[in-house]
Amino acid sequence: MWTDSHCHLQGAADPDGALERARAAGVTRVVCIGTDAHQSRQALALARDGVWATVGLHPHDAKEGVDGVAALLEEVAGAEQSALVAVGECGLDYHYDHSPRATQRDAFAAQVGLAHRYGLALVVHTREAWDDTLAILRAEGVPERTVFHCFTGGPAEARRCLDLGGFLSFSGIVTFRGAGGVRDAAAQCPAERLLVETDSPFLTPAPYRGRPNDPAFVPLLAAAVAEARGEGSGGPRCSTCSLVTSCVRAGPWARTSSWTPTRSGGSPACPGWDQASGWSRWVRVSARSRWPWPTRAPR
């Protein structure tokens, strides 16, 4: 049982087909990420059994202001049944600077506050802006469940995020030839703070670059992370496969910190593979969890 902790199904040509392919690959849970009020509403509309959504304003669009996503959060956070699990993605992007940096900082700080207000997880996008991103989180208070999505830093940045209590989510970048620092960060990250995401339809992993990404690639990404951690072709080195428990546990999305793993024997749950390096293996998931996703948002 796998989870894609960050994807944009609303950007897929065929969201239903993407979910079918994901289920066939053992990916039974996905989190569909909003990037502005419109995209967030689309993410919520796609919610169903096994699909949850976030509401947020991407730093590229910070110049639009947070009023739209704030109003949407107010609307859905109090709903009797809600698929809403997080605020984001939000943060700072100093690589493209599609919005003025001061505007990005204000929008990010406001959304950190919204995560606190509604008791939601926070999904952080940061690119070439580590110092300001972490400074804002410290100033506003780090939400208990904060995910650094598509982690692109090295071990030093990983340490800073982990010291703040964050989760690190690794994408297809971990398969890129020049991403040694990201692989080193994955090797350093404690298993209980490690997530895997596709960020689909973006960031397709090797050896499939050049085609749209897909949630079905989660097992491939997890295998690449296992390789980086020295838990590759030899198979998992721990009986509970702690490397990937964040793909089958509540992780940062849960509104409660309780998690009770139970032993389960039987056949491996899903295959992990890395066609680029030519090895294959099964990832045995022998730790299963209660999945305490909320059935209703906090009031």
Protein backbone atom coordinates (compact mmCIF):
# COMPACT_ATOMS: atom_id res chain seq x y z
CA MET A 1 0.00 0.00 0.00
CA TRP A 2 1.56 3.25 -1.15
CA THR A 3 0.78 6.94 -0.88
CA ASP A 4 1.67 9.73 -3.29
CA SER A 5 2.07 12.56 -0.79
CA HIS A 6 2.02 15.32 -3.42
CA CYS A 7 0.53 15.34 -6.90
CA HIS A 8 -1.56 17.60 -9.12
CA LEU A 9 -4.28 15.35 -10.50
CA GLN A 10 -6.17 18.40 -11.68
CA GLY A 11 -3.31 18.92 -14.15
CA ALA A 12 -3.51 15.41 -15.56
CA ALA A 13 -5.06 14.81 -18.99
CA ASP A 14 -7.12 11.97 -17.50
CA PRO A 15 -7.31 12.06 -13.67
CA ASP A 16 -9.46 8.92 -13.50
CA GLY A 17 -6.98 7.04 -15.68
CA ALA A 18 -4.11 8.24 -13.51
CA LEU A 19 -5.87 6.90 -10.42
CA GLU A 20 -6.52 3.56 -12.10
CA ARG A 21 -2.85 3.22 -13.03
CA ALA A 22 -1.89 4.20 -9.50
CA ARG A 23 -4.11 1.55 -7.94
CA ALA A 24 -2.69 -1.06 -10.32
CA ALA A 25 0.78 -0.14 -9.02
CA GLY A 26 -0.32 -0.41 -5.40
CA VAL A 27 -0.66 3.35 -4.87
CA THR A 28 -4.01 3.54 -3.10
CA ARG A 29 -3.82 6.99 -1.53
CA VAL A 30 -2.92 10.34 -3.05
CA VAL A 31 -2.89 13.93 -1.86
CA CYS A 32 -3.95 16.37 -4.58
CA ILE A 33 -2.27 19.73 -4.08
CA GLY A 34 -3.79 23.17 -4.66
CA THR A 35 -1.73 26.08 -5.96
CA ASP A 36 -4.33 28.87 -6.03
CA ALA A 37 -8.02 29.22 -5.21
CA HIS A 38 -9.17 27.80 -8.55
CA GLN A 39 -6.75 24.86 -8.58
CA SER A 40 -7.49 24.17 -4.93
CA ARG A 41 -11.21 24.00 -5.61
CA GLN A 42 -10.47 21.57 -8.45
CA ALA A 43 -8.37 19.46 -6.10
CA LEU A 44 -11.24 19.32 -3.62
CA ALA A 45 -13.64 18.34 -6.41
CA LEU A 46 -11.43 15.33 -7.23
CA ALA A 47 -11.54 14.07 -3.65
CA ARG A 48 -13.03 10.61 -3.17
CA ASP A 49 -12.11 7.41 -1.40
CA GLY A 50 -8.30 7.44 -1.26
CA VAL A 51 -7.93 11.00 -2.56
CA TRP A 52 -7.42 14.01 -0.29
CA ALA A 53 -6.77 17.65 -1.11
CA THR A 54 -4.96 20.77 0.02
CA VAL A 55 -5.76 24.46 -0.38
CA GLY A 56 -2.96 26.94 -0.93
CA LEU A 57 -1.33 29.69 -2.95
CA HIS A 58 1.93 28.86 -4.75
CA PRO A 59 4.68 31.49 -4.43
CA HIS A 60 4.57 32.03 -8.21
CA ASP A 61 1.04 33.39 -7.71
CA ALA A 62 1.60 35.24 -4.46
CA LYS A 63 0.90 38.53 -6.22
CA GLU A 64 -2.75 37.42 -6.48
CA GLY A 65 -3.04 37.68 -2.70
CA VAL A 66 -4.25 35.10 -0.20
CA ASP A 67 -7.85 36.30 0.12
CA GLY A 68 -9.14 33.67 -2.32
CA VAL A 69 -7.55 30.69 -0.59
CA ALA A 70 -8.39 32.11 2.85
CA ALA A 71 -12.06 32.30 1.86
CA LEU A 72 -11.98 28.75 0.46
CA LEU A 73 -10.42 27.46 3.66
CA GLU A 74 -13.11 29.18 5.69
CA GLU A 75 -15.72 27.54 3.49
CA VAL A 76 -14.45 23.96 3.57
CA ALA A 77 -12.69 23.69 6.94
CA GLY A 78 -15.98 23.73 8.77
CA ALA A 79 -17.70 21.23 6.50
CA GLU A 80 -19.25 18.14 8.07
CA GLN A 81 -17.22 15.91 5.75
CA SER A 82 -14.04 17.36 4.32
CA ALA A 83 -11.18 15.97 2.25
CA LEU A 84 -9.03 18.93 3.27
CA VAL A 85 -5.79 17.90 4.99
CA ALA A 86 -3.31 20.77 4.53
CA VAL A 87 -2.58 24.35 3.58
CA GLY A 88 -0.29 24.65 0.59
CA GLU A 89 1.62 24.39 -1.41
CA CYS A 90 3.00 27.71 -0.29
CA GLY A 91 6.42 29.16 0.34
CA LEU A 92 9.15 31.03 -1.49
CA ASP A 93 10.64 30.62 -4.95
CA TYR A 94 13.61 32.90 -5.56
CA HIS A 95 14.66 31.00 -8.67
CA TYR A 96 11.88 32.25 -10.94
CA ASP A 97 10.68 35.27 -8.93
CA HIS A 98 7.29 35.25 -10.67
CA SER A 99 6.01 37.31 -7.73
CA PRO A 100 8.00 40.00 -5.88
CA ARG A 101 9.97 38.48 -3.02
CA ALA A 102 8.40 40.68 -0.36
CA THR A 103 4.95 39.64 -1.63
CA GLN A 104 5.97 35.99 -1.51
CA ARG A 105 7.11 36.37 2.09
CA ASP A 106 3.86 38.02 3.15
CA ALA A 107 1.74 35.37 1.42
CA PHE A 108 3.76 32.56 2.97
CA ALA A 109 3.53 34.00 6.47
CA ALA A 110 -0.22 34.43 6.08
CA GLN A 111 -0.65 30.79 5.04
CA VAL A 112 1.45 29.54 7.95
CA GLY A 113 -1.05 31.39 10.11
CA LEU A 114 -3.95 29.73 8.31
CA ALA A 115 -2.45 26.29 8.95
CA HIS A 116 -2.31 27.13 12.64
CA ARG A 117 -5.84 28.54 12.63
CA TYR A 118 -7.42 25.42 11.15
CA GLY A 119 -5.10 22.83 12.68
CA LEU A 120 -3.91 21.66 9.28
CA ALA A 121 -0.62 20.38 7.95
CA LEU A 122 1.54 22.81 5.95
CA VAL A 123 3.05 21.95 2.54
CA VAL A 124 6.12 24.09 1.84
CA HIS A 125 7.65 24.94 -1.53
CA THR A 126 11.10 26.48 -1.23
CA ARG A 127 13.65 27.07 -3.97
CA GLU A 128 16.87 29.03 -3.50
CA ALA A 129 15.26 30.61 -0.44
CA TRP A 130 16.23 28.46 2.53
CA ASP A 131 17.17 31.26 4.91
CA ASP A 132 13.99 33.28 4.42
CA THR A 133 11.76 30.19 4.38
CA LEU A 134 13.08 28.93 7.69
CA ALA A 135 13.11 32.41 9.21
CA ILE A 136 9.41 32.86 8.44
CA LEU A 137 8.57 29.46 9.89
CA ARG A 138 10.44 30.28 13.08
CA ALA A 139 8.79 33.71 13.32
CA GLU A 140 5.24 32.45 12.69
CA GLY A 141 5.64 29.16 14.53
CA VAL A 142 6.21 25.86 12.74
CA PRO A 143 2.96 23.89 12.35
CA GLU A 144 3.19 20.51 14.02
CA ARG A 145 2.99 18.75 10.64
CA THR A 146 5.14 20.64 8.13
CA VAL A 147 6.20 18.98 4.86
CA PHE A 148 9.09 20.30 2.77
CA HIS A 149 7.78 19.13 -0.57
CA CYS A 150 10.05 18.16 -3.47
CA PHE A 151 13.10 18.48 -1.25
CA THR A 152 15.99 19.88 -3.29
CA GLY A 153 18.56 20.64 -0.61
CA GLY A 154 21.53 18.69 0.60
CA PRO A 155 22.39 17.28 4.01
CA ALA A 156 22.89 20.72 5.59
CA GLU A 157 19.44 21.95 4.51
CA ALA A 158 17.91 18.64 5.53
CA ARG A 159 19.35 19.02 9.00
CA ARG A 160 17.90 22.52 9.35
CA CYS A 161 14.44 21.36 8.27
CA LEU A 162 14.53 18.31 10.52
CA ASP A 163 15.63 20.43 13.46
CA LEU A 164 12.43 22.44 12.99
CA GLY A 165 10.41 19.23 13.15
CA GLY A 166 9.70 19.02 9.42
CA PHE A 167 9.08 16.08 7.14
CA LEU A 168 11.15 15.76 3.94
CA SER A 169 9.33 14.63 0.80
CA PHE A 170 11.45 13.29 -2.05
CA SER A 171 10.39 13.45 -5.70
CA GLY A 172 11.68 12.20 -9.03
CA ILE A 173 14.69 14.48 -8.59
CA VAL A 174 16.21 11.73 -6.47
CA THR A 175 16.67 9.73 -9.70
CA PHE A 176 18.43 12.53 -11.61
CA ARG A 177 22.10 12.02 -12.37
CA GLY A 178 23.21 15.36 -10.92
CA ALA A 179 21.18 15.13 -7.70
CA GLY A 180 23.83 13.63 -5.44
CA GLY A 181 23.10 16.13 -2.69
CA VAL A 182 19.42 15.21 -2.65
CA ARG A 183 20.30 11.52 -2.41
CA ASP A 184 22.66 12.30 0.46
CA ALA A 185 19.82 14.12 2.21
CA ALA A 186 17.52 11.12 1.70
CA ALA A 187 20.18 8.88 3.21
CA GLN A 188 20.39 11.15 6.25
CA CYS A 189 16.65 11.62 6.82
CA PRO A 190 15.14 9.53 9.62
CA ALA A 191 12.66 7.06 8.16
CA GLU A 192 9.83 8.41 10.28
CA ARG A 193 10.31 11.86 8.69
CA LEU A 194 10.62 10.66 5.09
CA LEU A 195 7.88 10.91 2.45
CA VAL A 196 7.79 10.07 -1.26
CA GLU A 197 5.90 12.10 -3.86
CA THR A 198 5.61 12.32 -7.62
CA ASP A 199 4.64 16.01 -7.98
CA SER A 200 2.94 14.69 -11.11
CA PRO A 201 2.51 15.62 -13.88
CA PHE A 202 5.89 17.29 -13.28
CA LEU A 203 9.36 15.91 -12.46
CA THR A 204 9.06 12.53 -14.14
CA PRO A 205 11.75 10.20 -12.76
CA ALA A 206 14.48 8.53 -14.79
CA PRO A 207 14.29 6.54 -16.96
CA TYR A 208 10.92 7.99 -18.02
CA ARG A 209 11.85 11.66 -18.34
CA GLY A 210 10.26 13.36 -21.30
CA ARG A 211 6.78 12.02 -20.61
CA PRO A 212 4.19 13.22 -18.06
CA ASN A 213 4.73 12.02 -14.53
CA ASP A 214 2.19 9.74 -12.89
CA PRO A 215 1.29 8.66 -9.32
CA ALA A 216 1.94 5.07 -10.43
CA PHE A 217 5.66 5.85 -10.26
CA VAL A 218 5.68 6.05 -6.45
CA PRO A 219 7.14 2.52 -6.01
CA LEU A 220 9.94 3.40 -8.43
CA LEU A 221 10.74 6.54 -6.42
CA ALA A 222 10.72 4.62 -3.16
CA ALA A 223 13.13 2.11 -4.67
CA ALA A 224 15.46 4.96 -5.69
CA VAL A 225 15.33 6.35 -2.16
CA ALA A 226 16.08 2.87 -0.83
CA GLU A 227 19.09 2.71 -3.12
CA ALA A 228 20.33 6.06 -1.83
CA ARG A 229 19.98 4.80 1.73
CA GLY A 230 21.94 1.62 1.05
CA GLU A 231 18.77 -0.47 1.24
CA GLY A 232 18.62 -1.28 -2.45
CA SER A 233 19.26 -4.50 -4.27
CA GLY A 234 19.88 -6.35 -1.04
CA GLY A 235 16.32 -5.68 0.02
CA PRO A 236 15.02 -3.91 3.11
CA ARG A 237 17.33 -4.15 6.08
CA CYS A 238 14.65 -3.76 8.74
CA SER A 239 11.71 -6.01 9.33
CA THR A 240 9.21 -3.16 9.37
CA CYS A 241 10.61 -1.52 6.23
CA SER A 242 10.94 1.76 8.13
CA LEU A 243 12.29 3.37 4.98
CA VAL A 244 8.83 3.51 3.48
CA THR A 245 6.50 3.49 6.45
CA SER A 246 5.80 7.13 5.69
CA CYS A 247 4.17 5.89 2.48
CA VAL A 248 1.74 3.71 4.43
CA ARG A 249 1.26 5.67 7.64
CA ALA A 250 -0.59 8.78 8.59
CA GLY A 251 2.61 10.82 8.57
CA PRO A 252 2.15 14.57 8.74
CA TRP A 253 -1.40 14.48 7.42
CA ALA A 254 -2.98 12.96 10.50
CA ARG A 255 -4.75 15.24 12.93
CA THR A 256 -3.64 12.93 15.69
CA SER A 257 -0.09 11.79 16.38
CA SER A 258 -1.17 8.28 17.35
CA TRP A 259 0.01 5.50 15.07
CA THR A 260 -0.07 1.84 16.01
CA PRO A 261 1.84 -0.44 13.64
CA THR A 262 0.85 -4.08 13.55
CA ARG A 263 2.68 -7.02 12.09
CA SER A 264 1.35 -8.51 8.92
CA GLY A 265 2.89 -11.40 7.10
CA GLY A 266 2.13 -12.73 3.66
CA SER A 267 3.29 -11.64 0.28
CA PRO A 268 5.04 -8.37 -0.47
CA ALA A 269 2.57 -5.56 -0.92
CA CYS A 270 4.04 -4.06 -4.06
CA PRO A 271 7.12 -4.15 -6.25
CA GLY A 272 9.89 -1.63 -6.12
CA TRP A 273 12.21 -1.37 -9.06
CA ASP A 274 14.92 0.74 -10.60
CA GLN A 275 15.20 -0.03 -14.29
CA ALA A 276 17.95 2.53 -14.74
CA SER A 277 20.37 0.52 -12.61
CA GLY A 278 18.99 -2.80 -13.71
CA TRP A 279 18.10 -4.28 -10.34
CA SER A 280 14.72 -5.34 -9.08
CA ARG A 281 13.34 -6.35 -5.73
CA TRP A 282 10.20 -6.50 -3.69
CA VAL A 283 9.56 -3.99 -0.96
CA ARG A 284 7.94 -5.95 1.84
CA VAL A 285 5.60 -3.81 3.85
CA SER A 286 5.30 -5.61 7.17
CA ALA A 287 4.21 -2.55 9.10
CA ARG A 288 0.63 -1.50 8.50
CA SER A 289 -1.12 1.40 10.14
CA ARG A 290 -4.45 2.75 11.08
CA TRP A 291 -4.99 5.57 8.61
CA PRO A 292 -6.41 8.37 10.73
CA TRP A 293 -7.19 10.77 7.92
CA PRO A 294 -9.89 13.12 9.12
CA THR A 295 -13.49 12.47 8.23
CA ARG A 296 -14.29 15.99 9.29
CA ALA A 297 -12.27 19.13 9.70
CA PRO A 298 -11.72 20.73 13.10
CA ARG A 299 -14.09 23.52 13.98
